[in-house]
PDB file of N, CA and C in Angstrom:
ATOM      1  N   MET A   1       5.515  -8.938   5.829  1.00  0.00           N
ATOM      2  CA  MET A   1       6.877  -8.686   6.437  1.00  0.00           C
ATOM      3  C   MET A   1       7.864  -8.148   5.228  1.00  0.00           C
ATOM      4  N   ILE A   2       8.705  -6.916   5.416  1.00  0.00           N
ATOM      5  CA  ILE A   2       9.147  -6.285   4.403  1.00  0.00           C
ATOM      6  C   ILE A   2      10.717  -6.656   5.157  1.00  0.00           C
ATOM      7  N   ALA A   3      11.667  -7.101   4.263  1.00  0.00           N
ATOM      8  CA  ALA A   3      13.247  -7.371   4.887  1.00  0.00           C
ATOM      9  C   ALA A   3      13.996  -6.753   3.879  1.00  0.00           C
ATOM     10  N   SER A   4      15.185  -6.197   4.481  1.00  0.00           N
ATOM     11  CA  SER A   4      16.127  -5.474   3.747  1.00  0.00           C
ATOM     12  C   SER A   4      17.389  -6.579   3.617  1.00  0.00           C
ATOM     13  N   PRO A   5      18.234  -6.342   2.635  1.00  0.00           N
ATOM     14  CA  PRO A   5      19.444  -7.255   2.681  1.00  0.00           C
ATOM     15  C   PRO A   5      20.185  -7.237   3.732  1.00  0.00           C
ATOM     16  N   ASN A   6      20.254  -6.008   4.632  1.00  0.00           N
ATOM     17  CA  ASN A   6      21.122  -5.938   5.837  1.00  0.00           C
ATOM     18  C   ASN A   6      20.572  -6.495   6.793  1.00  0.00           C
ATOM     19  N   GLY A   7      19.368  -7.182   6.813  1.00  0.00           N
ATOM     20  CA  GLY A   7      18.741  -7.739   8.154  1.00  0.00           C
ATOM     21  C   GLY A   7      17.625  -6.903   8.727  1.00  0.00           C
ATOM     22  N   GLU A   8      17.366  -5.796   8.234  1.00  0.00           N
ATOM     23  CA  GLU A   8      16.146  -4.845   8.779  1.00  0.00           C
ATOM     24  C   GLU A   8      14.942  -5.598   8.315  1.00  0.00           C
ATOM     25  N   ALA A   9      13.991  -5.625   9.342  1.00  0.00           N
ATOM     26  CA  ALA A   9      12.718  -6.249   9.109  1.00  0.00           C
ATOM     27  C   ALA A   9      11.506  -5.216   9.517  1.00  0.00           C
ATOM     28  N   THR A  10      10.384  -5.103   8.732  1.00  0.00           N
ATOM     29  CA  THR A  10       9.291  -4.574   9.379  1.00  0.00           C
ATOM     30  C   THR A  10       8.031  -5.178   9.128  1.00  0.00           C
ATOM     31  N   VAL A  11       7.163  -5.327  10.120  1.00  0.00           N
ATOM     32  CA  VAL A  11       5.897  -6.132   9.842  1.00  0.00           C
ATOM     33  C   VAL A  11       4.715  -5.094   9.637  1.00  0.00           C
ATOM     34  N   ASN A  12       4.196  -5.356   8.482  1.00  0.00           N
ATOM     35  CA  ASN A  12       3.012  -4.418   8.010  1.00  0.00           C
ATOM     36  C   ASN A  12       1.654  -5.178   8.595  1.00  0.00           C
ATOM     37  N   THR A  13       0.857  -4.264   9.273  1.00  0.00           N
ATOM     38  CA  THR A  13      -0.339  -4.762   9.770  1.00  0.00           C
ATOM     39  C   THR A  13      -1.633  -4.279   8.777  1.00  0.00           C
ATOM     40  N   THR A  14      -1.422  -3.683   7.594  1.00  0.00           N
ATOM     41  CA  THR A  14      -2.312  -3.607   6.775  1.00  0.00           C
ATOM     42  C   THR A  14      -2.882  -4.480   5.662  1.00  0.00           C
ATOM     43  N   GLY A  15      -3.893  -4.461   5.252  1.00  0.00           N
ATOM     44  CA  GLY A  15      -4.283  -5.290   4.150  1.00  0.00           C
ATOM     45  C   GLY A  15      -5.020  -6.496   4.572  1.00  0.00           C
ATOM     46  N   GLY A  16      -5.485  -7.200   3.648  1.00  0.00           N
ATOM     47  CA  GLY A  16      -6.331  -8.465   4.084  1.00  0.00           C
ATOM     48  C   GLY A  16      -6.899  -9.244   2.595  1.00  0.00           C
ATOM     49  N   SER A  17      -7.973  -9.971   2.998  1.00  0.00           N
ATOM     50  CA  SER A  17      -8.389 -10.805   1.735  1.00  0.00           C
ATOM     51  C   SER A  17      -8.991 -10.047   0.863  1.00  0.00           C
ATOM     52  N   GLY A  18      -9.394  -8.809   0.993  1.00  0.00           N
ATOM     53  CA  GLY A  18      -9.942  -7.976  -0.036  1.00  0.00           C
ATOM     54  C   GLY A  18      -8.982  -7.590  -1.042  1.00  0.00           C
ATOM     55  N   LEU A  19      -7.677  -7.775  -0.787  1.00  0.00           N
ATOM     56  CA  LEU A  19      -6.730  -7.667  -1.858  1.00  0.00           C
ATOM     57  C   LEU A  19      -6.313  -8.825  -2.685  1.00  0.00           C
ATOM     58  N   ALA A  20      -7.061  -9.961  -2.339  1.00  0.00           N
ATOM     59  CA  ALA A  20      -6.675 -11.351  -2.936  1.00  0.00           C
ATOM     60  C   ALA A  20      -7.464 -11.299  -4.189  1.00  0.00           C
ATOM     61  N   LYS A  21      -7.014 -10.600  -5.239  1.00  0.00           N
ATOM     62  CA  LYS A  21      -7.605 -10.577  -6.443  1.00  0.00           C
ATOM     63  C   LYS A  21      -6.492 -10.400  -7.540  1.00  0.00           C
ATOM     64  N   GLY A  22      -6.788 -10.837  -8.586  1.00  0.00           N
ATOM     65  CA  GLY A  22      -5.597 -10.503  -9.773  1.00  0.00           C
ATOM     66  C   GLY A  22      -5.742  -9.049 -10.158  1.00  0.00           C
ATOM     67  N   GLY A  23      -4.496  -8.558 -10.235  1.00  0.00           N
ATOM     68  CA  GLY A  23      -4.437  -7.298 -10.474  1.00  0.00           C
ATOM     69  C   GLY A  23      -4.053  -6.349  -9.226  1.00  0.00           C
ATOM     70  N   SER A  24      -4.332  -6.751  -8.044  1.00  0.00           N
ATOM     71  CA  SER A  24      -3.979  -6.065  -6.882  1.00  0.00           C
ATOM     72  C   SER A  24      -2.419  -5.954  -6.683  1.00  0.00           C
ATOM     73  N   GLY A  25      -1.759  -7.071  -7.004  1.00  0.00           N
ATOM     74  CA  GLY A  25      -0.317  -7.080  -7.031  1.00  0.00           C
ATOM     75  C   GLY A  25       0.330  -6.125  -7.962  1.00  0.00           C
ATOM     76  N   ASP A  26      -0.209  -6.003  -9.029  1.00  0.00           N
ATOM     77  CA  ASP A  26       0.146  -5.098 -10.099  1.00  0.00           C
ATOM     78  C   ASP A  26       0.067  -3.605  -9.702  1.00  0.00           C
ATOM     79  N   VAL A  27      -1.189  -3.346  -8.848  1.00  0.00           N
ATOM     80  CA  VAL A  27      -1.086  -1.931  -8.353  1.00  0.00           C
ATOM     81  C   VAL A  27      -0.037  -1.691  -7.413  1.00  0.00           C
ATOM     82  N   LEU A  28       0.447  -2.691  -6.584  1.00  0.00           N
ATOM     83  CA  LEU A  28       1.430  -2.711  -5.665  1.00  0.00           C
ATOM     84  C   LEU A  28       2.665  -2.464  -6.169  1.00  0.00           C
ATOM     85  N   ALA A  29       2.971  -3.247  -7.400  1.00  0.00           N
ATOM     86  CA  ALA A  29       4.253  -3.190  -8.004  1.00  0.00           C
ATOM     87  C   ALA A  29       4.373  -1.780  -8.599  1.00  0.00           C
ATOM     88  N   GLY A  30       3.132  -1.297  -9.203  1.00  0.00           N
ATOM     89  CA  GLY A  30       3.209   0.214  -9.851  1.00  0.00           C
ATOM     90  C   GLY A  30       3.558   1.288  -8.673  1.00  0.00           C
ATOM     91  N   LEU A  31       3.042   1.022  -7.655  1.00  0.00           N
ATOM     92  CA  LEU A  31       3.297   2.038  -6.677  1.00  0.00           C
ATOM     93  C   LEU A  31       4.612   1.975  -6.123  1.00  0.00           C
ATOM     94  N   LEU A  32       5.123   0.851  -5.862  1.00  0.00           N
ATOM     95  CA  LEU A  32       6.704   0.871  -5.417  1.00  0.00           C
ATOM     96  C   LEU A  32       7.596   1.229  -6.435  1.00  0.00           C
ATOM     97  N   VAL A  33       7.482   1.013  -7.727  1.00  0.00           N
ATOM     98  CA  VAL A  33       8.205   1.664  -8.840  1.00  0.00           C
ATOM     99  C   VAL A  33       8.070   2.909  -8.975  1.00  0.00           C
ATOM    100  N   SER A  34       7.045   3.605  -8.680  1.00  0.00           N
ATOM    101  CA  SER A  34       6.606   5.079  -8.824  1.00  0.00           C
ATOM    102  C   SER A  34       7.591   5.683  -7.493  1.00  0.00           C
ATOM    103  N   LEU A  35       7.577   5.124  -6.464  1.00  0.00           N
ATOM    104  CA  LEU A  35       8.223   5.627  -5.217  1.00  0.00           C
ATOM    105  C   LEU A  35       9.687   5.570  -5.429  1.00  0.00           C
ATOM    106  N   LEU A  36      10.164   4.465  -6.122  1.00  0.00           N
ATOM    107  CA  LEU A  36      11.678   4.472  -6.274  1.00  0.00           C
ATOM    108  C   LEU A  36      12.000   5.453  -7.514  1.00  0.00           C
ATOM    109  N   ALA A  37      11.205   5.649  -8.538  1.00  0.00           N
ATOM    110  CA  ALA A  37      11.587   6.597  -9.511  1.00  0.00           C
ATOM    111  C   ALA A  37      11.496   8.082  -8.829  1.00  0.00           C
ATOM    112  N   GLN A  38      10.842   8.351  -7.915  1.00  0.00           N
ATOM    113  CA  GLN A  38      10.799   9.651  -7.181  1.00  0.00           C
ATOM    114  C   GLN A  38      11.944   9.727  -6.327  1.00  0.00           C
ATOM    115  N   GLY A  39      12.758   8.800  -6.066  1.00  0.00           N
ATOM    116  CA  GLY A  39      13.921   8.765  -5.294  1.00  0.00           C
ATOM    117  C   GLY A  39      13.932   8.335  -3.926  1.00  0.00           C
ATOM    118  N   THR A  40      12.850   7.641  -3.603  1.00  0.00           N
ATOM    119  CA  THR A  40      12.675   7.001  -2.189  1.00  0.00           C
ATOM    120  C   THR A  40      13.532   5.882  -2.059  1.00  0.00           C
ATOM    121  N   ALA A  41      14.354   5.682  -0.983  1.00  0.00           N
ATOM    122  CA  ALA A  41      15.309   4.501  -0.832  1.00  0.00           C
ATOM    123  C   ALA A  41      14.286   3.422  -0.818  1.00  0.00           C
ATOM    124  N   PRO A  42      15.015   2.305  -1.478  1.00  0.00           N
ATOM    125  CA  PRO A  42      14.382   1.039  -1.665  1.00  0.00           C
ATOM    126  C   PRO A  42      13.457   0.460  -0.472  1.00  0.00           C
ATOM    127  N   TYR A  43      14.295   0.420   0.668  1.00  0.00           N
ATOM    128  CA  TYR A  43      13.489  -0.259   1.893  1.00  0.00           C
ATOM    129  C   TYR A  43      12.412   0.743   2.341  1.00  0.00           C
ATOM    130  N   ALA A  44      12.598   1.990   2.370  1.00  0.00           N
ATOM    131  CA  ALA A  44      11.524   2.881   2.637  1.00  0.00           C
ATOM    132  C   ALA A  44      10.451   2.738   1.812  1.00  0.00           C
ATOM    133  N   ALA A  45      10.802   2.865   0.363  1.00  0.00           N
ATOM    134  CA  ALA A  45       9.760   2.828  -0.552  1.00  0.00           C
ATOM    135  C   ALA A  45       8.807   1.467  -0.292  1.00  0.00           C
ATOM    136  N   SER A  46       9.483   0.323  -0.128  1.00  0.00           N
ATOM    137  CA  SER A  46       8.767  -0.993   0.078  1.00  0.00           C
ATOM    138  C   SER A  46       7.973  -0.929   1.294  1.00  0.00           C
ATOM    139  N   ILE A  47       8.248  -0.256   2.462  1.00  0.00           N
ATOM    140  CA  ILE A  47       7.623  -0.108   3.540  1.00  0.00           C
ATOM    141  C   ILE A  47       6.324   0.650   3.046  1.00  0.00           C
ATOM    142  N   LEU A  48       6.456   1.809   2.640  1.00  0.00           N
ATOM    143  CA  LEU A  48       5.277   2.793   2.343  1.00  0.00           C
ATOM    144  C   LEU A  48       4.383   2.112   1.404  1.00  0.00           C
ATOM    145  N   ALA A  49       5.035   1.401   0.354  1.00  0.00           N
ATOM    146  CA  ALA A  49       4.226   0.860  -0.909  1.00  0.00           C
ATOM    147  C   ALA A  49       3.299  -0.211  -0.087  1.00  0.00           C
ATOM    148  N   VAL A  50       3.720  -0.952   0.829  1.00  0.00           N
ATOM    149  CA  VAL A  50       3.044  -2.114   1.213  1.00  0.00           C
ATOM    150  C   VAL A  50       2.070  -1.574   2.373  1.00  0.00           C
ATOM    151  N   TYR A  51       2.478  -0.530   3.105  1.00  0.00           N
ATOM    152  CA  TYR A  51       1.479  -0.104   3.977  1.00  0.00           C
ATOM    153  C   TYR A  51       0.266   0.634   3.219  1.00  0.00           C
ATOM    154  N   LEU A  52       0.517   1.560   2.347  1.00  0.00           N
ATOM    155  CA  LEU A  52      -0.428   2.170   1.646  1.00  0.00           C
ATOM    156  C   LEU A  52      -1.429   1.375   1.001  1.00  0.00           C
ATOM    157  N   HIS A  53      -0.844   0.416   0.234  1.00  0.00           N
ATOM    158  CA  HIS A  53      -1.532  -0.525  -0.412  1.00  0.00           C
ATOM    159  C   HIS A  53      -2.725  -1.198   0.440  1.00  0.00           C
ATOM    160  N   GLY A  54      -2.195  -1.780   1.647  1.00  0.00           N
ATOM    161  CA  GLY A  54      -2.783  -2.537   2.492  1.00  0.00           C
ATOM    162  C   GLY A  54      -3.830  -1.546   3.109  1.00  0.00           C
ATOM    163  N   ALA A  55      -3.606  -0.359   3.492  1.00  0.00           N
ATOM    164  CA  ALA A  55      -4.461   0.625   4.031  1.00  0.00           C
ATOM    165  C   ALA A  55      -5.679   0.847   3.053  1.00  0.00           C
ATOM    166  N   ALA A  56      -5.198   1.031   1.818  1.00  0.00           N
ATOM    167  CA  ALA A  56      -6.247   1.157   1.002  1.00  0.00           C
ATOM    168  C   ALA A  56      -7.242  -0.067   0.785  1.00  0.00           C
ATOM    169  N   GLY A  57      -6.710  -1.023   0.784  1.00  0.00           N
ATOM    170  CA  GLY A  57      -7.292  -2.297   0.868  1.00  0.00           C
ATOM    171  C   GLY A  57      -8.332  -2.348   1.911  1.00  0.00           C
ATOM    172  N   ASP A  58      -7.851  -2.112   3.011  1.00  0.00           N
ATOM    173  CA  ASP A  58      -8.576  -2.150   4.389  1.00  0.00           C
ATOM    174  C   ASP A  58      -9.906  -1.113   4.164  1.00  0.00           C
ATOM    175  N   ALA A  59      -9.716  -0.020   3.635  1.00  0.00           N
ATOM    176  CA  ALA A  59     -10.647   1.010   3.565  1.00  0.00           C
ATOM    177  C   ALA A  59     -11.715   0.594   2.501  1.00  0.00           C
ATOM    178  N   LEU A  60     -11.275   0.029   1.345  1.00  0.00           N
ATOM    179  CA  LEU A  60     -12.244  -0.400   0.611  1.00  0.00           C
ATOM    180  C   LEU A  60     -12.873  -1.673   1.046  1.00  0.00           C
ATOM    181  N   THR A  61     -12.341  -2.346   1.800  1.00  0.00           N
ATOM    182  CA  THR A  61     -13.002  -3.764   2.350  1.00  0.00           C
ATOM    183  C   THR A  61     -14.133  -3.246   3.164  1.00  0.00           C
ATOM    184  N   GLU A  62     -13.821  -2.148   4.061  1.00  0.00           N
ATOM    185  CA  GLU A  62     -14.759  -1.633   5.156  1.00  0.00           C
ATOM    186  C   GLU A  62     -15.884  -1.001   4.254  1.00  0.00           C
ATOM    187  N   GLN A  63     -15.677  -0.325   3.203  1.00  0.00           N
ATOM    188  CA  GLN A  63     -16.658   0.106   2.492  1.00  0.00           C
ATOM    189  C   GLN A  63     -17.586  -0.729   1.676  1.00  0.00           C
ATOM    190  N   TYR A  64     -16.923  -1.755   1.051  1.00  0.00           N
ATOM    191  CA  TYR A  64     -17.533  -2.606   0.027  1.00  0.00           C
ATOM    192  C   TYR A  64     -17.725  -3.966   0.474  1.00  0.00           C
ATOM    193  N   SER A  65     -16.895  -4.539   1.477  1.00  0.00           N
ATOM    194  CA  SER A  65     -16.969  -6.100   1.745  1.00  0.00           C
ATOM    195  C   SER A  65     -15.584  -6.551   1.125  1.00  0.00           C
ATOM    196  N   PRO A  66     -14.936  -7.669   1.521  1.00  0.00           N
ATOM    197  CA  PRO A  66     -13.784  -8.148   0.843  1.00  0.00           C
ATOM    198  C   PRO A  66     -14.055  -8.565  -0.545  1.00  0.00           C
ATOM    199  N   LEU A  67     -15.242  -9.020  -0.950  1.00  0.00           N
ATOM    200  CA  LEU A  67     -15.642  -9.400  -2.125  1.00  0.00           C
ATOM    201  C   LEU A  67     -15.852  -8.185  -3.165  1.00  0.00           C
ATOM    202  N   GLY A  68     -16.137  -7.108  -2.512  1.00  0.00           N
ATOM    203  CA  GLY A  68     -16.353  -5.797  -3.419  1.00  0.00           C
ATOM    204  C   GLY A  68     -15.169  -5.016  -3.734  1.00  0.00           C
ATOM    205  N   VAL A  69     -14.030  -5.359  -3.295  1.00  0.00           N
ATOM    206  CA  VAL A  69     -12.947  -4.548  -3.550  1.00  0.00           C
ATOM    207  C   VAL A  69     -12.291  -4.936  -4.845  1.00  0.00           C
ATOM    208  N   ARG A  70     -12.012  -3.879  -5.773  1.00  0.00           N
ATOM    209  CA  ARG A  70     -11.694  -4.014  -7.061  1.00  0.00           C
ATOM    210  C   ARG A  70     -10.303  -3.554  -7.310  1.00  0.00           C
ATOM    211  N   PRO A  71      -9.466  -4.099  -7.963  1.00  0.00           N
ATOM    212  CA  PRO A  71      -7.924  -3.327  -8.195  1.00  0.00           C
ATOM    213  C   PRO A  71      -8.074  -2.119  -8.822  1.00  0.00           C
ATOM    214  N   ASP A  72      -9.068  -1.898  -9.743  1.00  0.00           N
ATOM    215  CA  ASP A  72      -8.911  -0.414 -10.332  1.00  0.00           C
ATOM    216  C   ASP A  72      -9.612   0.486  -9.271  1.00  0.00           C
ATOM    217  N   ASP A  73     -10.192   0.310  -8.208  1.00  0.00           N
ATOM    218  CA  ASP A  73     -10.494   1.271  -7.113  1.00  0.00           C
ATOM    219  C   ASP A  73      -9.185   1.549  -6.285  1.00  0.00           C
ATOM    220  N   LEU A  74      -8.358   0.598  -6.331  1.00  0.00           N
ATOM    221  CA  LEU A  74      -7.221   0.989  -5.488  1.00  0.00           C
ATOM    222  C   LEU A  74      -6.175   2.243  -5.528  1.00  0.00           C
ATOM    223  N   PRO A  75      -6.083   2.719  -6.939  1.00  0.00           N
ATOM    224  CA  PRO A  75      -5.136   3.929  -6.987  1.00  0.00           C
ATOM    225  C   PRO A  75      -5.741   5.085  -6.359  1.00  0.00           C
ATOM    226  N   ARG A  76      -7.055   5.251  -6.647  1.00  0.00           N
ATOM    227  CA  ARG A  76      -7.767   6.574  -5.992  1.00  0.00           C
ATOM    228  C   ARG A  76      -7.722   6.273  -4.408  1.00  0.00           C
ATOM    229  N   GLU A  77      -7.826   5.231  -3.949  1.00  0.00           N
ATOM    230  CA  GLU A  77      -8.074   5.101  -2.315  1.00  0.00           C
ATOM    231  C   GLU A  77      -6.605   5.103  -1.922  1.00  0.00           C
ATOM    232  N   ILE A  78      -5.552   4.703  -2.537  1.00  0.00           N
ATOM    233  CA  ILE A  78      -4.139   5.070  -1.949  1.00  0.00           C
ATOM    234  C   ILE A  78      -3.821   6.437  -1.962  1.00  0.00           C
ATOM    235  N   ALA A  79      -4.176   7.183  -3.005  1.00  0.00           N
ATOM    236  CA  ALA A  79      -4.067   8.495  -2.910  1.00  0.00           C
ATOM    237  C   ALA A  79      -4.497   9.158  -1.677  1.00  0.00           C
ATOM    238  N   ARG A  80      -5.837   8.644  -1.433  1.00  0.00           N
ATOM    239  CA  ARG A  80      -6.525   9.384  -0.025  1.00  0.00           C
ATOM    240  C   ARG A  80      -5.779   8.777   1.055  1.00  0.00           C
ATOM    241  N   GLN A  81      -5.277   7.464   1.126  1.00  0.00           N
ATOM    242  CA  GLN A  81      -4.481   7.111   2.359  1.00  0.00           C
ATOM    243  C   GLN A  81      -2.961   7.695   2.412  1.00  0.00           C
ATOM    244  N   ALA A  82      -2.608   8.022   1.198  1.00  0.00           N
ATOM    245  CA  ALA A  82      -1.150   8.770   1.173  1.00  0.00           C
ATOM    246  C   ALA A  82      -1.519  10.220   1.702  1.00  0.00           C
ATOM    247  N   ALA A  83      -2.702  10.935   1.355  1.00  0.00           N
ATOM    248  CA  ALA A  83      -2.930  12.305   1.958  1.00  0.00           C
ATOM    249  C   ALA A  83      -3.174  12.303   3.459  1.00  0.00           C
ATOM    250  N   ARG A  84      -3.854  11.326   3.919  1.00  0.00           N
ATOM    251  CA  ARG A  84      -4.412  11.015   5.310  1.00  0.00           C
ATOM    252  C   ARG A  84      -2.866  10.858   6.053  1.00  0.00           C
ATOM    253  N   LEU A  85      -2.052   9.962   5.681  1.00  0.00           N
ATOM    254  CA  LEU A  85      -0.762   9.698   6.240  1.00  0.00           C
ATOM    255  C   LEU A  85       0.134  11.000   6.245  1.00  0.00           C
ATOM    256  N   HIS A  86       0.183  11.764   5.210  1.00  0.00           N
ATOM    257  CA  HIS A  86       0.777  12.961   5.031  1.00  0.00           C
ATOM    258  C   HIS A  86       0.287  13.866   6.084  1.00  0.00           C
ATOM    259  N   ALA A  87      -0.998  14.127   6.327  1.00  0.00           N
ATOM    260  CA  ALA A  87      -1.538  15.020   7.035  1.00  0.00           C
ATOM    261  C   ALA A  87      -1.063  14.713   8.600  1.00  0.00           C
ATOM    262  N   CYS A  88      -1.011  13.454   8.864  1.00  0.00           N
ATOM    263  CA  CYS A  88      -0.555  12.973  10.239  1.00  0.00           C
ATOM    264  C   CYS A  88       0.714  13.126  10.663  1.00  0.00           C
ATOM    265  N   VAL A  89       1.531  12.850   9.563  1.00  0.00           N
ATOM    266  CA  VAL A  89       3.137  13.195   9.851  1.00  0.00           C
ATOM    267  C   VAL A  89       3.335  14.511   9.903  1.00  0.00           C
ATOM    268  N   CYS A  90       2.867  15.454   9.010  1.00  0.00           N
ATOM    269  CA  CYS A  90       3.029  16.768   8.869  1.00  0.00           C
ATOM    270  C   CYS A  90       2.585  17.712  10.055  1.00  0.00           C
ATOM    271  N   GLN A  91       1.878  17.289  10.768  1.00  0.00           N
ATOM    272  CA  GLN A  91       1.333  18.001  11.917  1.00  0.00           C
ATOM    273  C   GLN A  91       1.662  17.857  13.185  1.00  0.00           C
TER     274      GLN A  91
END
């Protein structure tokens, strides 16, 4: 769940136990900060970061199993998920 100070809330449906490893949260934090640095509004950046992080975790879990997901695999998979999302939104 992502909530804003003004009461907006969004439920994220991506992600799972494959992300329950040391370092996964660091990747999420880095993604969020990078979106903020690019000028994305905080609430939108939070929604996008959580979604992409979870979608990457889901894809890696499907490929390797929950035990096989490694935090260092996340950045590349996040880039793939961002490209997939961009293609869906822009078409």
